[in-house]
Amino acid sequence: MHSLHALYANRHTTKTKYAEIFTKYESLYALFLNIAEVRDRITDYTIFSLCEAELAEIKREIHHVLSVMITHASMQPIQYSALASSIERFDEMNQNILQVTASDPNVFSIMVNSLYRLKDELTC
């Protein structure tokens, strides 16, 4: 009877662990969709040429972080500082240039907020 109880406890712990992982992936997916919707919210696509380098850097850093997460599966610590720096540079670009030149500057503010939330979700 003791081994049956231990098996049930182990199953419950594993189920809870996978539920937490699934919830995290679901949250990441929702944030990625929110960020990707910027294309649909912008009417003048030439605005992207102003921040092309910053967006490419963010894409590169997100790809790097996700690659390390998948391939190393917590065997080595992941460095998030480059991702944080690239988001901060885009945020500065948003505040200094995009808020003035974009026809709907709130779209980029929402995107910056989502990027910060994505970074926070990846780091926890």
PDB file of N, CA and C in Angstrom:
ATOM      1  N   MET A   1       0.820  -1.193   0.000  1.00  0.00           N
ATOM      2  CA  MET A   1       0.000   0.000   0.000  1.00  0.00           C
ATOM      3  C   MET A   1       0.866   1.261   0.000  1.00  0.00           C
ATOM      4  N   HIS A   2       2.011   1.163   0.691  1.00  0.00           N
ATOM      5  CA  HIS A   2       2.911   2.313   0.767  1.00  0.00           C
ATOM      6  C   HIS A   2       3.442   2.693  -0.619  1.00  0.00           C
ATOM      7  N   SER A   3       3.801   1.696  -1.422  1.00  0.00           N
ATOM      8  CA  SER A   3       4.338   1.982  -2.754  1.00  0.00           C
ATOM      9  C   SER A   3       3.266   2.580  -3.670  1.00  0.00           C
ATOM     10  N   LEU A   4       2.030   2.176  -3.482  1.00  0.00           N
ATOM     11  CA  LEU A   4       0.935   2.733  -4.269  1.00  0.00           C
ATOM     12  C   LEU A   4       0.725   4.206  -3.928  1.00  0.00           C
ATOM     13  N   HIS A   5       0.810   4.514  -2.650  1.00  0.00           N
ATOM     14  CA  HIS A   5       0.681   5.909  -2.211  1.00  0.00           C
ATOM     15  C   HIS A   5       1.846   6.750  -2.752  1.00  0.00           C
ATOM     16  N   ALA A   6       3.057   6.201  -2.732  1.00  0.00           N
ATOM     17  CA  ALA A   6       4.229   6.907  -3.252  1.00  0.00           C
ATOM     18  C   ALA A   6       4.093   7.126  -4.757  1.00  0.00           C
ATOM     19  N   LEU A   7       3.587   6.125  -5.455  1.00  0.00           N
ATOM     20  CA  LEU A   7       3.384   6.245  -6.900  1.00  0.00           C
ATOM     21  C   LEU A   7       2.367   7.335  -7.216  1.00  0.00           C
ATOM     22  N   TYR A   8       1.278   7.378  -6.447  1.00  0.00           N
ATOM     23  CA  TYR A   8       0.260   8.411  -6.641  1.00  0.00           C
ATOM     24  C   TYR A   8       0.832   9.799  -6.369  1.00  0.00           C
ATOM     25  N   ALA A   9       1.615   9.936  -5.298  1.00  0.00           N
ATOM     26  CA  ALA A   9       2.226  11.228  -4.956  1.00  0.00           C
ATOM     27  C   ALA A   9       3.187  11.670  -6.050  1.00  0.00           C
ATOM     28  N   ASN A  10       3.969  10.736  -6.577  1.00  0.00           N
ATOM     29  CA  ASN A  10       4.909  11.057  -7.654  1.00  0.00           C
ATOM     30  C   ASN A  10       4.153  11.478  -8.908  1.00  0.00           C
ATOM     31  N   ARG A  11       3.074  10.788  -9.216  1.00  0.00           N
ATOM     32  CA  ARG A  11       2.264  11.129 -10.395  1.00  0.00           C
ATOM     33  C   ARG A  11       1.660  12.521 -10.250  1.00  0.00           C
ATOM     34  N   HIS A  12       1.175  12.827  -9.057  1.00  0.00           N
ATOM     35  CA  HIS A  12       0.583  14.138  -8.808  1.00  0.00           C
ATOM     36  C   HIS A  12       1.634  15.245  -8.943  1.00  0.00           C
ATOM     37  N   THR A  13       2.837  15.019  -8.430  1.00  0.00           N
ATOM     38  CA  THR A  13       3.925  15.996  -8.534  1.00  0.00           C
ATOM     39  C   THR A  13       4.308  16.217  -9.989  1.00  0.00           C
ATOM     40  N   THR A  14       4.428  15.135 -10.742  1.00  0.00           N
ATOM     41  CA  THR A  14       4.778  15.234 -12.161  1.00  0.00           C
ATOM     42  C   THR A  14       3.689  15.969 -12.937  1.00  0.00           C
ATOM     43  N   LYS A  15       2.438  15.666 -12.632  1.00  0.00           N
ATOM     44  CA  LYS A  15       1.315  16.318 -13.308  1.00  0.00           C
ATOM     45  C   LYS A  15       1.318  17.821 -13.030  1.00  0.00           C
ATOM     46  N   THR A  16       1.579  18.202 -11.793  1.00  0.00           N
ATOM     47  CA  THR A  16       1.640  19.615 -11.426  1.00  0.00           C
ATOM     48  C   THR A  16       2.793  20.312 -12.141  1.00  0.00           C
ATOM     49  N   LYS A  17       3.936  19.636 -12.213  1.00  0.00           N
ATOM     50  CA  LYS A  17       5.109  20.204 -12.891  1.00  0.00           C
ATOM     51  C   LYS A  17       4.802  20.467 -14.366  1.00  0.00           C
ATOM     52  N   TYR A  18       4.207  19.493 -15.037  1.00  0.00           N
ATOM     53  CA  TYR A  18       3.894  19.665 -16.453  1.00  0.00           C
ATOM     54  C   TYR A  18       2.813  20.714 -16.674  1.00  0.00           C
ATOM     55  N   ALA A  19       1.895  20.848 -15.745  1.00  0.00           N
ATOM     56  CA  ALA A  19       0.870  21.890 -15.849  1.00  0.00           C
ATOM     57  C   ALA A  19       1.510  23.270 -15.768  1.00  0.00           C
ATOM     58  N   GLU A  20       2.502  23.432 -14.899  1.00  0.00           N
ATOM     59  CA  GLU A  20       3.213  24.708 -14.794  1.00  0.00           C
ATOM     60  C   GLU A  20       3.980  25.014 -16.073  1.00  0.00           C
ATOM     61  N   ILE A  21       4.642  24.002 -16.627  1.00  0.00           N
ATOM     62  CA  ILE A  21       5.391  24.186 -17.876  1.00  0.00           C
ATOM     63  C   ILE A  21       4.437  24.554 -19.010  1.00  0.00           C
ATOM     64  N   PHE A  22       3.311  23.858 -19.106  1.00  0.00           N
ATOM     65  CA  PHE A  22       2.334  24.144 -20.150  1.00  0.00           C
ATOM     66  C   PHE A  22       1.804  25.569 -20.023  1.00  0.00           C
ATOM     67  N   THR A  23       1.533  25.999 -18.795  1.00  0.00           N
ATOM     68  CA  THR A  23       1.041  27.355 -18.564  1.00  0.00           C
ATOM     69  C   THR A  23       2.069  28.386 -19.008  1.00  0.00           C
ATOM     70  N   LYS A  24       3.346  28.115 -18.733  1.00  0.00           N
ATOM     71  CA  LYS A  24       4.401  29.042 -19.149  1.00  0.00           C
ATOM     72  C   LYS A  24       4.474  29.114 -20.675  1.00  0.00           C
ATOM     73  N   TYR A  25       4.444  27.966 -21.351  1.00  0.00           N
ATOM     74  CA  TYR A  25       4.499  27.962 -22.814  1.00  0.00           C
ATOM     75  C   TYR A  25       3.276  28.639 -23.422  1.00  0.00           C
ATOM     76  N   GLU A  26       2.134  28.458 -22.800  1.00  0.00           N
ATOM     77  CA  GLU A  26       0.921  29.111 -23.277  1.00  0.00           C
ATOM     78  C   GLU A  26       1.047  30.633 -23.155  1.00  0.00           C
ATOM     79  N   SER A  27       1.626  31.088 -22.065  1.00  0.00           N
ATOM     80  CA  SER A  27       1.840  32.519 -21.864  1.00  0.00           C
ATOM     81  C   SER A  27       2.837  33.074 -22.881  1.00  0.00           C
ATOM     82  N   LEU A  28       3.922  32.330 -23.126  1.00  0.00           N
ATOM     83  CA  LEU A  28       4.902  32.755 -24.134  1.00  0.00           C
ATOM     84  C   LEU A  28       4.255  32.842 -25.514  1.00  0.00           C
ATOM     85  N   TYR A  29       3.443  31.863 -25.858  1.00  0.00           N
ATOM     86  CA  TYR A  29       2.761  31.852 -27.150  1.00  0.00           C
ATOM     87  C   TYR A  29       1.859  33.072 -27.297  1.00  0.00           C
ATOM     88  N   ALA A  30       1.119  33.396 -26.256  1.00  0.00           N
ATOM     89  CA  ALA A  30       0.232  34.564 -26.298  1.00  0.00           C
ATOM     90  C   ALA A  30       1.032  35.849 -26.477  1.00  0.00           C
ATOM     91  N   LEU A  31       2.178  35.949 -25.825  1.00  0.00           N
ATOM     92  CA  LEU A  31       3.014  37.143 -25.979  1.00  0.00           C
ATOM     93  C   LEU A  31       3.587  37.239 -27.390  1.00  0.00           C
ATOM     94  N   PHE A  32       4.032  36.109 -27.946  1.00  0.00           N
ATOM     95  CA  PHE A  32       4.542  36.122 -29.320  1.00  0.00           C
ATOM     96  C   PHE A  32       3.454  36.550 -30.302  1.00  0.00           C
ATOM     97  N   LEU A  33       2.244  36.068 -30.108  1.00  0.00           N
ATOM     98  CA  LEU A  33       1.140  36.480 -30.982  1.00  0.00           C
ATOM     99  C   LEU A  33       0.859  37.971 -30.849  1.00  0.00           C
ATOM    100  N   ASN A  34       0.891  38.475 -29.638  1.00  0.00           N
ATOM    101  CA  ASN A  34       0.654  39.894 -29.400  1.00  0.00           C
ATOM    102  C   ASN A  34       1.713  40.744 -30.104  1.00  0.00           C
ATOM    103  N   ILE A  35       2.961  40.323 -30.013  1.00  0.00           N
ATOM    104  CA  ILE A  35       4.046  41.058 -30.668  1.00  0.00           C
ATOM    105  C   ILE A  35       3.900  40.977 -32.190  1.00  0.00           C
ATOM    106  N   ALA A  36       3.542  39.815 -32.698  1.00  0.00           N
ATOM    107  CA  ALA A  36       3.409  39.633 -34.148  1.00  0.00           C
ATOM    108  C   ALA A  36       2.251  40.432 -34.734  1.00  0.00           C
ATOM    109  N   GLU A  37       1.260  40.753 -33.934  1.00  0.00           N
ATOM    110  CA  GLU A  37       0.105  41.504 -34.430  1.00  0.00           C
ATOM    111  C   GLU A  37       0.430  42.953 -34.766  1.00  0.00           C
ATOM    112  N   VAL A  38       1.619  43.398 -34.437  1.00  0.00           N
ATOM    113  CA  VAL A  38       2.014  44.777 -34.766  1.00  0.00           C
ATOM    114  C   VAL A  38       1.893  45.012 -36.269  1.00  0.00           C
ATOM    115  N   ARG A  39       2.255  44.007 -37.057  1.00  0.00           N
ATOM    116  CA  ARG A  39       2.159  44.148 -38.518  1.00  0.00           C
ATOM    117  C   ARG A  39       0.747  44.490 -38.963  1.00  0.00           C
ATOM    118  N   ASP A  40      -0.235  43.924 -38.289  1.00  0.00           N
ATOM    119  CA  ASP A  40      -1.628  44.168 -38.668  1.00  0.00           C
ATOM    120  C   ASP A  40      -2.154  45.497 -38.146  1.00  0.00           C
ATOM    121  N   ARG A  41      -1.525  46.026 -37.119  1.00  0.00           N
ATOM    122  CA  ARG A  41      -1.989  47.279 -36.512  1.00  0.00           C
ATOM    123  C   ARG A  41      -1.380  48.516 -37.164  1.00  0.00           C
ATOM    124  N   ILE A  42      -0.320  48.325 -37.936  1.00  0.00           N
ATOM    125  CA  ILE A  42       0.370  49.444 -38.589  1.00  0.00           C
ATOM    126  C   ILE A  42      -0.158  49.588 -40.009  1.00  0.00           C
ATOM    127  N   THR A  43      -0.451  50.816 -40.407  1.00  0.00           N
ATOM    128  CA  THR A  43      -0.933  51.048 -41.768  1.00  0.00           C
ATOM    129  C   THR A  43       0.189  51.496 -42.698  1.00  0.00           C
ATOM    130  N   ASP A  44       1.201  52.159 -42.155  1.00  0.00           N
ATOM    131  CA  ASP A  44       2.329  52.639 -42.955  1.00  0.00           C
ATOM    132  C   ASP A  44       3.557  51.788 -42.629  1.00  0.00           C
ATOM    133  N   TYR A  45       3.854  50.830 -43.511  1.00  0.00           N
ATOM    134  CA  TYR A  45       4.935  49.885 -43.245  1.00  0.00           C
ATOM    135  C   TYR A  45       6.326  50.500 -43.359  1.00  0.00           C
ATOM    136  N   THR A  46       6.436  51.699 -43.915  1.00  0.00           N
ATOM    137  CA  THR A  46       7.753  52.335 -44.014  1.00  0.00           C
ATOM    138  C   THR A  46       8.309  52.686 -42.640  1.00  0.00           C
ATOM    139  N   ILE A  47       7.452  52.755 -41.640  1.00  0.00           N
ATOM    140  CA  ILE A  47       7.904  53.059 -40.281  1.00  0.00           C
ATOM    141  C   ILE A  47       8.847  51.966 -39.770  1.00  0.00           C
ATOM    142  N   PHE A  48       8.686  50.740 -40.280  1.00  0.00           N
ATOM    143  CA  PHE A  48       9.554  49.651 -39.850  1.00  0.00           C
ATOM    144  C   PHE A  48      10.995  49.850 -40.300  1.00  0.00           C
ATOM    145  N   SER A  49      11.201  50.619 -41.368  1.00  0.00           N
ATOM    146  CA  SER A  49      12.574  50.859 -41.822  1.00  0.00           C
ATOM    147  C   SER A  49      13.361  51.684 -40.809  1.00  0.00           C
ATOM    148  N   LEU A  50      12.665  52.466 -39.993  1.00  0.00           N
ATOM    149  CA  LEU A  50      13.346  53.265 -38.972  1.00  0.00           C
ATOM    150  C   LEU A  50      13.903  52.410 -37.839  1.00  0.00           C
ATOM    151  N   CYS A  51      13.264  51.290 -37.590  1.00  0.00           N
ATOM    152  CA  CYS A  51      13.678  50.459 -36.455  1.00  0.00           C
ATOM    153  C   CYS A  51      14.072  49.048 -36.889  1.00  0.00           C
ATOM    154  N   GLU A  52      14.434  48.902 -38.148  1.00  0.00           N
ATOM    155  CA  GLU A  52      14.758  47.583 -38.690  1.00  0.00           C
ATOM    156  C   GLU A  52      15.921  46.923 -37.957  1.00  0.00           C
ATOM    157  N   ALA A  53      16.972  47.664 -37.683  1.00  0.00           N
ATOM    158  CA  ALA A  53      18.145  47.094 -37.008  1.00  0.00           C
ATOM    159  C   ALA A  53      17.802  46.639 -35.591  1.00  0.00           C
ATOM    160  N   GLU A  54      17.029  47.437 -34.877  1.00  0.00           N
ATOM    161  CA  GLU A  54      16.656  47.085 -33.502  1.00  0.00           C
ATOM    162  C   GLU A  54      15.759  45.850 -33.472  1.00  0.00           C
ATOM    163  N   LEU A  55      14.814  45.779 -34.409  1.00  0.00           N
ATOM    164  CA  LEU A  55      13.928  44.616 -34.462  1.00  0.00           C
ATOM    165  C   LEU A  55      14.693  43.350 -34.852  1.00  0.00           C
ATOM    166  N   ALA A  56      15.650  43.483 -35.770  1.00  0.00           N
ATOM    167  CA  ALA A  56      16.470  42.331 -36.158  1.00  0.00           C
ATOM    168  C   ALA A  56      17.306  41.842 -34.976  1.00  0.00           C
ATOM    169  N   GLU A  57      17.812  42.771 -34.182  1.00  0.00           N
ATOM    170  CA  GLU A  57      18.601  42.391 -33.008  1.00  0.00           C
ATOM    171  C   GLU A  57      17.729  41.674 -31.972  1.00  0.00           C
ATOM    172  N   ILE A  58      16.524  42.171 -31.748  1.00  0.00           N
ATOM    173  CA  ILE A  58      15.605  41.514 -30.808  1.00  0.00           C
ATOM    174  C   ILE A  58      15.274  40.108 -31.302  1.00  0.00           C
ATOM    175  N   LYS A  59      15.008  39.983 -32.593  1.00  0.00           N
ATOM    176  CA  LYS A  59      14.708  38.669 -33.168  1.00  0.00           C
ATOM    177  C   LYS A  59      15.871  37.711 -32.952  1.00  0.00           C
ATOM    178  N   ARG A  60      17.079  38.183 -33.202  1.00  0.00           N
ATOM    179  CA  ARG A  60      18.276  37.359 -33.039  1.00  0.00           C
ATOM    180  C   ARG A  60      18.441  36.915 -31.577  1.00  0.00           C
ATOM    181  N   GLU A  61      18.232  37.829 -30.645  1.00  0.00           N
ATOM    182  CA  GLU A  61      18.404  37.505 -29.224  1.00  0.00           C
ATOM    183  C   GLU A  61      17.317  36.552 -28.724  1.00  0.00           C
ATOM    184  N   ILE A  62      16.079  36.743 -29.168  1.00  0.00           N
ATOM    185  CA  ILE A  62      15.007  35.818 -28.778  1.00  0.00           C
ATOM    186  C   ILE A  62      15.304  34.427 -29.327  1.00  0.00           C
ATOM    187  N   HIS A  63      15.742  34.365 -30.571  1.00  0.00           N
ATOM    188  CA  HIS A  63      16.093  33.076 -31.177  1.00  0.00           C
ATOM    189  C   HIS A  63      17.211  32.405 -30.385  1.00  0.00           C
ATOM    190  N   HIS A  64      18.209  33.176 -29.985  1.00  0.00           N
ATOM    191  CA  HIS A  64      19.330  32.628 -29.212  1.00  0.00           C
ATOM    192  C   HIS A  64      18.848  32.079 -27.864  1.00  0.00           C
ATOM    193  N   VAL A  65      18.051  32.862 -27.149  1.00  0.00           N
ATOM    194  CA  VAL A  65      17.555  32.430 -25.832  1.00  0.00           C
ATOM    195  C   VAL A  65      16.715  31.163 -25.959  1.00  0.00           C
ATOM    196  N   LEU A  66      15.814  31.130 -26.932  1.00  0.00           N
ATOM    197  CA  LEU A  66      14.968  29.947 -27.107  1.00  0.00           C
ATOM    198  C   LEU A  66      15.788  28.731 -27.526  1.00  0.00           C
ATOM    199  N   SER A  67      16.797  28.933 -28.361  1.00  0.00           N
ATOM    200  CA  SER A  67      17.667  27.823 -28.771  1.00  0.00           C
ATOM    201  C   SER A  67      18.400  27.235 -27.574  1.00  0.00           C
ATOM    202  N   VAL A  68      18.922  28.102 -26.721  1.00  0.00           N
ATOM    203  CA  VAL A  68      19.622  27.621 -25.527  1.00  0.00           C
ATOM    204  C   VAL A  68      18.653  26.905 -24.594  1.00  0.00           C
ATOM    205  N   MET A  69      17.450  27.448 -24.446  1.00  0.00           N
ATOM    206  CA  MET A  69      16.451  26.803 -23.586  1.00  0.00           C
ATOM    207  C   MET A  69      16.119  25.398 -24.087  1.00  0.00           C
ATOM    208  N   ILE A  70      15.989  25.250 -25.385  1.00  0.00           N
ATOM    209  CA  ILE A  70      15.593  23.963 -25.953  1.00  0.00           C
ATOM    210  C   ILE A  70      16.744  22.966 -25.945  1.00  0.00           C
ATOM    211  N   THR A  71      17.920  23.394 -26.361  1.00  0.00           N
ATOM    212  CA  THR A  71      19.027  22.456 -26.522  1.00  0.00           C
ATOM    213  C   THR A  71      19.728  22.104 -25.227  1.00  0.00           C
ATOM    214  N   HIS A  72      19.768  23.015 -24.297  1.00  0.00           N
ATOM    215  CA  HIS A  72      20.516  22.741 -23.072  1.00  0.00           C
ATOM    216  C   HIS A  72      19.630  22.375 -21.892  1.00  0.00           C
ATOM    217  N   ALA A  73      18.358  22.615 -21.985  1.00  0.00           N
ATOM    218  CA  ALA A  73      17.377  22.212 -20.970  1.00  0.00           C
ATOM    219  C   ALA A  73      17.898  22.381 -19.547  1.00  0.00           C
ATOM    220  N   SER A  74      18.217  23.596 -19.209  1.00  0.00           N
ATOM    221  CA  SER A  74      18.658  24.010 -17.871  1.00  0.00           C
ATOM    222  C   SER A  74      19.988  23.405 -17.434  1.00  0.00           C
ATOM    223  N   MET A  75      20.809  22.921 -18.356  1.00  0.00           N
ATOM    224  CA  MET A  75      22.130  22.422 -17.986  1.00  0.00           C
ATOM    225  C   MET A  75      23.102  23.573 -17.775  1.00  0.00           C
ATOM    226  N   GLN A  76      22.871  24.690 -18.402  1.00  0.00           N
ATOM    227  CA  GLN A  76      23.731  25.854 -18.208  1.00  0.00           C
ATOM    228  C   GLN A  76      22.846  27.079 -18.039  1.00  0.00           C
ATOM    229  N   PRO A  77      23.323  28.060 -17.277  1.00  0.00           N
ATOM    230  CA  PRO A  77      22.506  29.264 -17.095  1.00  0.00           C
ATOM    231  C   PRO A  77      22.384  30.041 -18.406  1.00  0.00           C
ATOM    232  N   ILE A  78      21.229  30.600 -18.618  1.00  0.00           N
ATOM    233  CA  ILE A  78      20.965  31.367 -19.837  1.00  0.00           C
ATOM    234  C   ILE A  78      21.224  32.836 -19.546  1.00  0.00           C
ATOM    235  N   GLN A  79      21.928  33.491 -20.456  1.00  0.00           N
ATOM    236  CA  GLN A  79      22.223  34.914 -20.322  1.00  0.00           C
ATOM    237  C   GLN A  79      21.120  35.715 -21.015  1.00  0.00           C
ATOM    238  N   TYR A  80      20.427  36.512 -20.233  1.00  0.00           N
ATOM    239  CA  TYR A  80      19.332  37.322 -20.759  1.00  0.00           C
ATOM    240  C   TYR A  80      19.732  38.782 -20.947  1.00  0.00           C
ATOM    241  N   SER A  81      20.953  39.126 -20.610  1.00  0.00           N
ATOM    242  CA  SER A  81      21.361  40.532 -20.641  1.00  0.00           C
ATOM    243  C   SER A  81      21.348  41.106 -22.056  1.00  0.00           C
ATOM    244  N   ALA A  82      21.734  40.318 -23.048  1.00  0.00           N
ATOM    245  CA  ALA A  82      21.732  40.815 -24.429  1.00  0.00           C
ATOM    246  C   ALA A  82      20.301  41.068 -24.909  1.00  0.00           C
ATOM    247  N   LEU A  83      19.380  40.196 -24.539  1.00  0.00           N
ATOM    248  CA  LEU A  83      17.970  40.397 -24.898  1.00  0.00           C
ATOM    249  C   LEU A  83      17.428  41.641 -24.214  1.00  0.00           C
ATOM    250  N   ALA A  84      17.738  41.802 -22.937  1.00  0.00           N
ATOM    251  CA  ALA A  84      17.279  42.982 -22.197  1.00  0.00           C
ATOM    252  C   ALA A  84      17.838  44.256 -22.818  1.00  0.00           C
ATOM    253  N   SER A  85      19.106  44.237 -23.200  1.00  0.00           N
ATOM    254  CA  SER A  85      19.725  45.418 -23.821  1.00  0.00           C
ATOM    255  C   SER A  85      19.086  45.751 -25.161  1.00  0.00           C
ATOM    256  N   SER A  86      18.804  44.732 -25.959  1.00  0.00           N
ATOM    257  CA  SER A  86      18.195  44.996 -27.271  1.00  0.00           C
ATOM    258  C   SER A  86      16.772  45.542 -27.115  1.00  0.00           C
ATOM    259  N   ILE A  87      16.038  45.067 -26.122  1.00  0.00           N
ATOM    260  CA  ILE A  87      14.692  45.599 -25.872  1.00  0.00           C
ATOM    261  C   ILE A  87      14.787  47.040 -25.387  1.00  0.00           C
ATOM    262  N   GLU A  88      15.753  47.327 -24.531  1.00  0.00           N
ATOM    263  CA  GLU A  88      15.935  48.699 -24.041  1.00  0.00           C
ATOM    264  C   GLU A  88      16.294  49.653 -25.178  1.00  0.00           C
ATOM    265  N   ARG A  89      17.142  49.197 -26.119  1.00  0.00           N
ATOM    266  CA  ARG A  89      17.485  50.044 -27.275  1.00  0.00           C
ATOM    267  C   ARG A  89      16.252  50.321 -28.137  1.00  0.00           C
ATOM    268  N   PHE A  90      15.428  49.303 -28.335  1.00  0.00           N
ATOM    269  CA  PHE A  90      14.198  49.504 -29.099  1.00  0.00           C
ATOM    270  C   PHE A  90      13.256  50.442 -28.352  1.00  0.00           C
ATOM    271  N   ASP A  91      13.195  50.327 -27.043  1.00  0.00           N
ATOM    272  CA  ASP A  91      12.358  51.214 -26.231  1.00  0.00           C
ATOM    273  C   ASP A  91      12.830  52.662 -26.369  1.00  0.00           C
ATOM    274  N   GLU A  92      14.143  52.873 -26.352  1.00  0.00           N
ATOM    275  CA  GLU A  92      14.684  54.231 -26.555  1.00  0.00           C
ATOM    276  C   GLU A  92      14.322  54.753 -27.940  1.00  0.00           C
ATOM    277  N   MET A  93      14.455  53.892 -28.949  1.00  0.00           N
ATOM    278  CA  MET A  93      14.083  54.268 -30.318  1.00  0.00           C
ATOM    279  C   MET A  93      12.600  54.625 -30.363  1.00  0.00           C
ATOM    280  N   ASN A  94      11.792  53.854 -29.674  1.00  0.00           N
ATOM    281  CA  ASN A  94      10.358  54.112 -29.631  1.00  0.00           C
ATOM    282  C   ASN A  94      10.078  55.475 -29.011  1.00  0.00           C
ATOM    283  N   GLN A  95      10.699  55.768 -27.895  1.00  0.00           N
ATOM    284  CA  GLN A  95      10.441  57.027 -27.200  1.00  0.00           C
ATOM    285  C   GLN A  95      10.969  58.237 -27.967  1.00  0.00           C
ATOM    286  N   ASN A  96      12.113  58.084 -28.614  1.00  0.00           N
ATOM    287  CA  ASN A  96      12.751  59.228 -29.274  1.00  0.00           C
ATOM    288  C   ASN A  96      12.295  59.461 -30.706  1.00  0.00           C
ATOM    289  N   ILE A  97      11.972  58.408 -31.432  1.00  0.00           N
ATOM    290  CA  ILE A  97      11.687  58.560 -32.863  1.00  0.00           C
ATOM    291  C   ILE A  97      10.283  58.080 -33.232  1.00  0.00           C
ATOM    292  N   LEU A  98       9.959  56.850 -32.854  1.00  0.00           N
ATOM    293  CA  LEU A  98       8.694  56.267 -33.309  1.00  0.00           C
ATOM    294  C   LEU A  98       7.478  56.976 -32.735  1.00  0.00           C
ATOM    295  N   GLN A  99       7.563  57.451 -31.511  1.00  0.00           N
ATOM    296  CA  GLN A  99       6.430  58.158 -30.910  1.00  0.00           C
ATOM    297  C   GLN A  99       6.115  59.450 -31.662  1.00  0.00           C
ATOM    298  N   VAL A 100       7.120  60.003 -32.330  1.00  0.00           N
ATOM    299  CA  VAL A 100       6.938  61.254 -33.073  1.00  0.00           C
ATOM    300  C   VAL A 100       6.511  60.986 -34.512  1.00  0.00           C
ATOM    301  N   THR A 101       7.094  59.961 -35.129  1.00  0.00           N
ATOM    302  CA  THR A 101       6.875  59.753 -36.562  1.00  0.00           C
ATOM    303  C   THR A 101       5.745  58.784 -36.899  1.00  0.00           C
ATOM    304  N   ALA A 102       5.423  57.871 -36.011  1.00  0.00           N
ATOM    305  CA  ALA A 102       4.394  56.865 -36.319  1.00  0.00           C
ATOM    306  C   ALA A 102       3.002  57.494 -36.299  1.00  0.00           C
ATOM    307  N   SER A 103       2.153  57.020 -37.207  1.00  0.00           N
ATOM    308  CA  SER A 103       0.783  57.545 -37.242  1.00  0.00           C
ATOM    309  C   SER A 103      -0.013  57.088 -36.012  1.00  0.00           C
ATOM    310  N   ASP A 104       0.298  55.913 -35.495  1.00  0.00           N
ATOM    311  CA  ASP A 104      -0.326  55.423 -34.263  1.00  0.00           C
ATOM    312  C   ASP A 104       0.781  54.939 -33.326  1.00  0.00           C
ATOM    313  N   PRO A 105       1.348  55.841 -32.546  1.00  0.00           N
ATOM    314  CA  PRO A 105       2.495  55.483 -31.700  1.00  0.00           C
ATOM    315  C   PRO A 105       2.159  54.504 -30.580  1.00  0.00           C
ATOM    316  N   ASN A 106       0.889  54.388 -30.226  1.00  0.00           N
ATOM    317  CA  ASN A 106       0.510  53.459 -29.156  1.00  0.00           C
ATOM    318  C   ASN A 106       0.795  52.006 -29.517  1.00  0.00           C
ATOM    319  N   VAL A 107       0.776  51.698 -30.800  1.00  0.00           N
ATOM    320  CA  VAL A 107       1.043  50.330 -31.239  1.00  0.00           C
ATOM    321  C   VAL A 107       2.439  49.907 -30.815  1.00  0.00           C
ATOM    322  N   PHE A 108       3.412  50.787 -31.001  1.00  0.00           N
ATOM    323  CA  PHE A 108       4.778  50.451 -30.623  1.00  0.00           C
ATOM    324  C   PHE A 108       4.947  50.426 -29.108  1.00  0.00           C
ATOM    325  N   SER A 109       4.212  51.253 -28.397  1.00  0.00           N
ATOM    326  CA  SER A 109       4.263  51.213 -26.931  1.00  0.00           C
ATOM    327  C   SER A 109       3.726  49.886 -26.411  1.00  0.00           C
ATOM    328  N   ILE A 110       2.665  49.403 -27.027  1.00  0.00           N
ATOM    329  CA  ILE A 110       2.115  48.095 -26.654  1.00  0.00           C
ATOM    330  C   ILE A 110       3.125  46.997 -26.959  1.00  0.00           C
ATOM    331  N   MET A 111       3.803  47.118 -28.097  1.00  0.00           N
ATOM    332  CA  MET A 111       4.803  46.125 -28.466  1.00  0.00           C
ATOM    333  C   MET A 111       5.960  46.120 -27.472  1.00  0.00           C
ATOM    334  N   VAL A 112       6.433  47.295 -27.084  1.00  0.00           N
ATOM    335  CA  VAL A 112       7.530  47.385 -26.113  1.00  0.00           C
ATOM    336  C   VAL A 112       7.106  46.747 -24.794  1.00  0.00           C
ATOM    337  N   ASN A 113       5.894  47.035 -24.367  1.00  0.00           N
ATOM    338  CA  ASN A 113       5.384  46.431 -23.137  1.00  0.00           C
ATOM    339  C   ASN A 113       5.356  44.907 -23.248  1.00  0.00           C
ATOM    340  N   SER A 114       4.922  44.403 -24.385  1.00  0.00           N
ATOM    341  CA  SER A 114       4.883  42.952 -24.593  1.00  0.00           C
ATOM    342  C   SER A 114       6.282  42.359 -24.616  1.00  0.00           C
ATOM    343  N   LEU A 115       7.238  43.082 -25.187  1.00  0.00           N
ATOM    344  CA  LEU A 115       8.621  42.597 -25.196  1.00  0.00           C
ATOM    345  C   LEU A 115       9.186  42.508 -23.786  1.00  0.00           C
ATOM    346  N   TYR A 116       8.910  43.501 -22.968  1.00  0.00           N
ATOM    347  CA  TYR A 116       9.363  43.448 -21.572  1.00  0.00           C
ATOM    348  C   TYR A 116       8.692  42.293 -20.823  1.00  0.00           C
ATOM    349  N   ARG A 117       7.411  42.091 -21.076  1.00  0.00           N
ATOM    350  CA  ARG A 117       6.711  40.972 -20.432  1.00  0.00           C
ATOM    351  C   ARG A 117       7.272  39.634 -20.909  1.00  0.00           C
ATOM    352  N   LEU A 118       7.638  39.555 -22.193  1.00  0.00           N
ATOM    353  CA  LEU A 118       8.247  38.343 -22.731  1.00  0.00           C
ATOM    354  C   LEU A 118       9.575  38.061 -22.035  1.00  0.00           C
ATOM    355  N   LYS A 119      10.388  39.095 -21.891  1.00  0.00           N
ATOM    356  CA  LYS A 119      11.672  38.928 -21.194  1.00  0.00           C
ATOM    357  C   LYS A 119      11.449  38.452 -19.768  1.00  0.00           C
ATOM    358  N   ASP A 120      10.491  39.048 -19.087  1.00  0.00           N
ATOM    359  CA  ASP A 120      10.191  38.643 -17.710  1.00  0.00           C
ATOM    360  C   ASP A 120       9.708  37.196 -17.648  1.00  0.00           C
ATOM    361  N   GLU A 121       8.895  36.813 -18.610  1.00  0.00           N
ATOM    362  CA  GLU A 121       8.373  35.440 -18.637  1.00  0.00           C
ATOM    363  C   GLU A 121       9.491  34.439 -18.924  1.00  0.00           C
ATOM    364  N   LEU A 122      10.420  34.805 -19.788  1.00  0.00           N
ATOM    365  CA  LEU A 122      11.534  33.915 -20.095  1.00  0.00           C
ATOM    366  C   LEU A 122      12.486  33.767 -18.915  1.00  0.00           C
ATOM    367  N   THR A 123      12.642  34.817 -18.136  1.00  0.00           N
ATOM    368  CA  THR A 123      13.615  34.776 -17.041  1.00  0.00           C
ATOM    369  C   THR A 123      13.090  34.103 -15.784  1.00  0.00           C
ATOM    370  N   CYS A 124      11.788  33.927 -15.671  1.00  0.00           N
ATOM    371  CA  CYS A 124      11.301  33.299 -14.426  1.00  0.00           C
ATOM    372  C   CYS A 124      11.212  31.795 -14.545  1.00  0.00           C
TER     373      CYS A 124
END
